[in-house]
Amino acid sequence: MQGVLAVVSPSVVSIETNQETLRGVFGGAGSGIVIDDSGLILTNAHVIEDADEVTVVFFDGTRAPARVVSSIVADDVALVQAEGVTDTLAATLGTSEQLLVGDQV
């Protein structure tokens, strides 16, 4: 891995969900990115929408239950808190304040 991929990959997580319905349990999946060392994760609202159970799978394979902290369906963003984890590797996020049209992202 090189460049941005090498730096960000350890902060990318898989998110698995289960939803109990009258027809049984259905699962879903998505991804997210760790944004602080306590295990706070930014993901899409549609990934966790209506989930009864959320599990986060970290880059090293560690699995942790998670709870939805906040979700804004209209903007399709959500925050999920992985529980019982310490020392997660948060991604270094940039700002858009100094970006110009045509800059690489």
Protein backbone atom coordinates (compact mmCIF):
# COMPACT_ATOMS: atom_id res chain seq x y z
CA MET A 1 0.00 0.00 0.00
CA GLN A 2 1.16 3.47 -0.71
CA GLY A 3 0.27 7.04 0.12
CA VAL A 4 -3.17 7.81 1.49
CA LEU A 5 -4.31 4.18 1.33
CA ALA A 6 -1.49 3.04 3.62
CA VAL A 7 -2.23 5.78 6.12
CA VAL A 8 -6.03 5.46 6.18
CA SER A 9 -6.59 1.68 5.84
CA PRO A 10 -5.99 0.86 9.52
CA SER A 11 -8.77 3.33 10.42
CA VAL A 12 -11.37 1.85 8.06
CA VAL A 13 -13.86 -0.57 9.63
CA SER A 14 -16.57 -2.92 8.47
CA ILE A 15 -19.97 -2.50 10.04
CA GLU A 16 -22.32 -5.46 10.32
CA THR A 17 -25.95 -5.04 11.33
CA ASN A 18 -28.86 -7.26 12.25
CA GLN A 19 -32.51 -6.29 12.21
CA GLU A 20 -35.25 -8.45 13.70
CA THR A 21 -38.45 -8.42 11.69
CA LEU A 22 -41.62 -10.48 11.68
CA ARG A 23 -40.02 -12.63 8.98
CA GLY A 24 -36.80 -13.27 10.91
CA VAL A 25 -33.40 -11.66 11.32
CA PHE A 26 -31.88 -9.85 8.38
CA GLY A 27 -28.29 -8.68 8.17
CA GLY A 28 -26.60 -5.82 6.42
CA ALA A 29 -23.12 -4.45 6.01
CA GLY A 30 -21.27 -1.26 5.30
CA SER A 31 -18.11 0.56 6.20
CA GLY A 32 -16.99 3.45 8.33
CA ILE A 33 -13.92 5.30 9.49
CA VAL A 34 -12.62 5.71 13.04
CA ILE A 35 -12.53 9.42 13.86
CA ASP A 36 -11.20 9.36 17.43
CA ASP A 37 -9.17 7.07 19.67
CA SER A 38 -12.17 6.05 21.77
CA GLY A 39 -13.74 4.14 18.86
CA LEU A 40 -16.12 6.77 17.53
CA ILE A 41 -16.91 5.90 13.91
CA LEU A 42 -18.36 7.94 11.06
CA THR A 43 -20.57 5.97 8.68
CA ASN A 44 -23.66 6.39 6.53
CA ALA A 45 -27.11 6.55 8.11
CA HIS A 46 -28.44 3.97 5.65
CA VAL A 47 -25.88 1.44 6.96
CA ILE A 48 -27.28 1.47 10.51
CA GLU A 49 -30.88 2.47 9.78
CA ASP A 50 -33.35 0.25 11.67
CA ALA A 51 -30.54 -1.96 13.03
CA ASP A 52 -31.17 -3.78 16.29
CA GLU A 53 -27.53 -4.89 16.57
CA VAL A 54 -24.40 -3.20 15.25
CA THR A 55 -20.97 -4.85 15.21
CA VAL A 56 -17.75 -3.17 14.14
CA VAL A 57 -14.89 -5.17 12.62
CA PHE A 58 -11.55 -3.38 12.84
CA PHE A 59 -8.64 -3.59 10.39
CA ASP A 60 -6.88 -6.20 12.58
CA GLY A 61 -10.00 -8.40 12.73
CA THR A 62 -11.08 -7.35 16.22
CA ARG A 63 -14.87 -7.36 16.57
CA ALA A 64 -16.79 -5.11 18.95
CA PRO A 65 -20.45 -4.40 19.61
CA ALA A 66 -21.43 -0.81 18.88
CA ARG A 67 -24.24 1.60 19.58
CA VAL A 68 -25.63 4.34 17.39
CA VAL A 69 -24.76 7.74 18.86
CA SER A 70 -26.43 9.90 16.25
CA SER A 71 -27.94 9.62 12.80
CA ILE A 72 -29.11 12.22 10.32
CA VAL A 73 -31.03 10.37 7.62
CA ALA A 74 -31.49 13.45 5.41
CA ASP A 75 -27.70 13.87 5.17
CA ASP A 76 -27.00 10.09 5.25
CA VAL A 77 -24.44 10.40 8.05
CA ALA A 78 -24.24 8.61 11.38
CA LEU A 79 -21.92 8.22 14.35
CA VAL A 80 -21.41 4.81 15.94
CA GLN A 81 -19.51 4.13 19.17
CA ALA A 82 -17.61 0.83 19.37
CA GLU A 83 -17.86 -0.46 22.92
CA GLY A 84 -15.13 -2.04 25.00
CA VAL A 85 -12.28 -1.00 22.73
CA THR A 86 -9.28 1.11 23.58
CA ASP A 87 -6.52 2.63 21.53
CA THR A 88 -8.27 2.51 18.19
CA LEU A 89 -6.39 4.20 15.38
CA ALA A 90 -8.25 7.32 14.31
CA ALA A 91 -7.85 8.62 10.78
CA THR A 92 -6.21 11.99 10.37
CA LEU A 93 -8.86 14.18 8.87
CA GLY A 94 -8.07 17.24 6.82
CA THR A 95 -9.98 20.44 6.40
CA SER A 96 -11.47 21.92 3.30
CA GLU A 97 -10.58 25.48 4.24
CA GLN A 98 -7.51 25.66 2.03
CA LEU A 99 -8.73 23.55 -0.89
CA LEU A 100 -8.99 25.07 -4.33
CA VAL A 101 -10.92 23.88 -7.36
CA GLY A 102 -8.74 21.31 -9.12
CA ASP A 103 -6.85 20.13 -6.01
CA GLN A 104 -6.48 16.40 -5.61
CA VAL A 105 -8.51 14.92 -2.77
